Amino acid sequence: MGKLVLNPEFNLYECGGNPLCSSRQVAEEFGKRHDNVLQIIREAIDTTSNFAPDFSGANFFESRYKDRGKFYPEYLLTKDAFSYIVMGFTGKKAAAFKIAFIDRFNQMERFIKSLYAAKLEHPAFTEAVMLAHEEPKHY
């Protein structure tokens, strides 16, 4: 996996032109414990690998995060993986968050596409920015 960049406007990550959310975000947004969300994801990976083996590898990415000096597991999910996982959650809060998260992914996709369009329109400027900054940020 390439370099992850957090876009604070959408509270989603971007990697290789694709928006991703973390299992921690899913847990927080839906009021669930992160270890329970990890278990749900692992079960989904096991289930989908039986009938759609390419789905898991293309949509669920193992990762880790650092908290208080220690590393913990998490998953990064594509829009499809996110949809697959949370569409099983129930309740009014879950319904509202499903719609909001889907909208957030769509906004992030449009934002990423606009960045790539700008890069194509202004390749010299894009290269200069990349060379000038060790960790370029979205503007």
Protein backbone atom coordinates (compact mmCIF):
# COMPACT_ATOMS: atom_id res chain seq x y z
CA MET A 1 0.00 0.00 0.00
CA GLY A 2 1.21 3.48 -0.80
CA LYS A 3 1.41 6.51 1.41
CA LEU A 4 -1.69 7.35 3.44
CA VAL A 5 -2.76 10.98 3.59
CA LEU A 6 -5.50 12.04 6.01
CA ASN A 7 -7.85 14.61 4.55
CA PRO A 8 -9.24 16.44 7.60
CA GLU A 9 -12.06 18.02 5.60
CA PHE A 10 -13.62 14.61 4.95
CA ASN A 11 -11.98 12.73 7.85
CA LEU A 12 -10.97 10.02 5.38
CA TYR A 13 -7.62 8.81 4.16
CA GLU A 14 -6.42 8.86 0.59
CA CYS A 15 -4.03 6.29 -0.82
CA GLY A 16 -3.28 5.85 -4.50
CA GLY A 17 -6.25 7.97 -5.49
CA ASN A 18 -8.74 6.01 -3.38
CA PRO A 19 -10.62 7.18 -0.29
CA LEU A 20 -10.33 4.90 2.75
CA CYS A 21 -11.67 4.93 6.29
CA SER A 22 -10.25 3.13 9.30
CA SER A 23 -11.95 0.54 11.45
CA ARG A 24 -11.43 2.96 14.35
CA GLN A 25 -13.55 5.55 12.56
CA VAL A 26 -16.28 2.97 12.01
CA ALA A 27 -16.21 2.02 15.70
CA GLU A 28 -16.35 5.65 16.82
CA GLU A 29 -19.09 6.70 14.40
CA PHE A 30 -21.33 3.75 15.25
CA GLY A 31 -20.67 3.67 19.00
CA LYS A 32 -19.07 0.24 18.93
CA ARG A 33 -15.93 -1.10 20.55
CA HIS A 34 -13.03 -1.25 18.13
CA ASP A 35 -12.21 -4.88 19.01
CA ASN A 36 -15.78 -5.83 18.08
CA VAL A 37 -15.50 -4.01 14.75
CA LEU A 38 -12.21 -5.81 14.06
CA GLN A 39 -13.95 -9.13 14.71
CA ILE A 40 -16.82 -8.20 12.37
CA ILE A 41 -14.29 -7.29 9.66
CA ARG A 42 -12.32 -10.51 10.11
CA GLU A 43 -15.53 -12.53 9.84
CA ALA A 44 -16.49 -10.59 6.70
CA ILE A 45 -13.08 -11.30 5.16
CA ASP A 46 -13.44 -15.01 5.94
CA THR A 47 -16.97 -15.10 4.53
CA THR A 48 -16.26 -13.16 1.34
CA SER A 49 -13.06 -15.09 0.62
CA ASN A 50 -15.20 -18.20 0.09
CA PHE A 51 -17.42 -16.77 -2.67
CA ALA A 52 -15.64 -13.58 -3.78
CA PRO A 53 -11.92 -14.04 -3.08
CA ASP A 54 -10.87 -10.88 -4.92
CA PHE A 55 -13.23 -8.70 -2.87
CA SER A 56 -11.34 -9.04 0.41
CA GLY A 57 -7.90 -8.35 -1.02
CA ALA A 58 -9.11 -5.34 -2.98
CA ASN A 59 -11.16 -3.72 -0.21
CA PHE A 60 -9.79 -4.57 3.26
CA PHE A 61 -6.24 -3.56 4.18
CA GLU A 62 -4.56 -4.57 7.42
CA SER A 63 -2.84 -1.67 9.12
CA ARG A 64 -1.82 -0.51 12.56
CA TYR A 65 -1.92 2.69 14.52
CA LYS A 66 0.14 4.00 17.40
CA ASP A 67 -1.45 4.99 20.69
CA ARG A 68 0.54 5.84 23.82
CA GLY A 69 3.70 4.39 22.31
CA LYS A 70 2.18 1.02 21.41
CA PHE A 71 0.97 -0.30 18.05
CA TYR A 72 -2.53 -1.76 17.64
CA PRO A 73 -4.25 -3.44 14.67
CA GLU A 74 -6.80 -1.72 12.50
CA TYR A 75 -8.20 -2.15 9.02
CA LEU A 76 -8.47 0.42 6.27
CA LEU A 77 -11.64 0.03 4.24
CA THR A 78 -12.59 1.12 0.76
CA LYS A 79 -16.05 2.49 0.11
CA ASP A 80 -17.18 -1.01 -0.89
CA ALA A 81 -15.76 -2.63 2.25
CA PHE A 82 -17.25 0.08 4.42
CA SER A 83 -20.63 -0.42 2.79
CA TYR A 84 -20.43 -4.19 3.19
CA ILE A 85 -19.60 -3.91 6.91
CA VAL A 86 -21.92 -1.16 8.08
CA MET A 87 -24.93 -2.12 6.05
CA GLY A 88 -25.32 -4.90 8.60
CA PHE A 89 -25.57 -2.41 11.47
CA THR A 90 -29.09 -1.42 12.56
CA GLY A 91 -30.93 1.41 14.27
CA LYS A 92 -31.66 5.07 13.58
CA LYS A 93 -28.15 6.18 14.41
CA ALA A 94 -26.71 3.54 12.08
CA ALA A 95 -29.06 4.61 9.27
CA ALA A 96 -28.09 8.27 9.63
CA PHE A 97 -24.39 7.48 9.70
CA LYS A 98 -24.65 5.19 6.69
CA ILE A 99 -26.06 8.00 4.59
CA ALA A 100 -23.53 10.53 5.94
CA PHE A 101 -20.56 8.22 5.36
CA ILE A 102 -21.65 7.35 1.84
CA ASP A 103 -21.95 11.07 1.11
CA ARG A 104 -18.51 11.70 2.65
CA PHE A 105 -16.93 9.04 0.43
CA ASN A 106 -18.58 10.56 -2.62
CA GLN A 107 -17.32 14.03 -1.68
CA MET A 108 -13.81 12.67 -1.18
CA GLU A 109 -13.92 10.91 -4.56
CA ARG A 110 -14.89 14.17 -6.26
CA PHE A 111 -12.13 16.00 -4.38
CA ILE A 112 -9.50 13.43 -5.41
CA LYS A 113 -10.65 13.60 -9.04
CA SER A 114 -10.34 17.39 -8.98
CA LEU A 115 -6.78 17.09 -7.62
CA TYR A 116 -5.78 14.69 -10.36
CA ALA A 117 -7.37 16.93 -12.97
CA ALA A 118 -5.35 19.88 -11.63
CA LYS A 119 -2.17 17.78 -11.68
CA LEU A 120 -2.77 16.94 -15.32
CA GLU A 121 -3.50 20.57 -16.21
CA HIS A 122 -0.43 21.94 -14.41
CA PRO A 123 2.28 19.24 -14.37
CA ALA A 124 5.22 21.64 -13.88
CA PHE A 125 3.56 23.35 -10.92
CA THR A 126 2.61 19.99 -9.39
CA GLU A 127 6.18 18.73 -9.71
CA ALA A 128 7.54 21.92 -8.12
CA VAL A 129 5.20 21.54 -5.13
CA MET A 130 6.15 17.88 -4.73
CA LEU A 131 9.86 18.74 -4.78
CA ALA A 132 9.47 21.66 -2.39
CA HIS A 133 7.65 19.73 0.34
CA GLU A 134 8.69 16.51 2.01
CA GLU A 135 5.07 15.69 2.85
CA PRO A 136 2.80 17.64 0.50
CA LYS A 137 -0.72 18.26 1.76
CA HIS A 138 -4.02 18.70 -0.04
CA TYR A 139 -4.99 22.35 -0.48
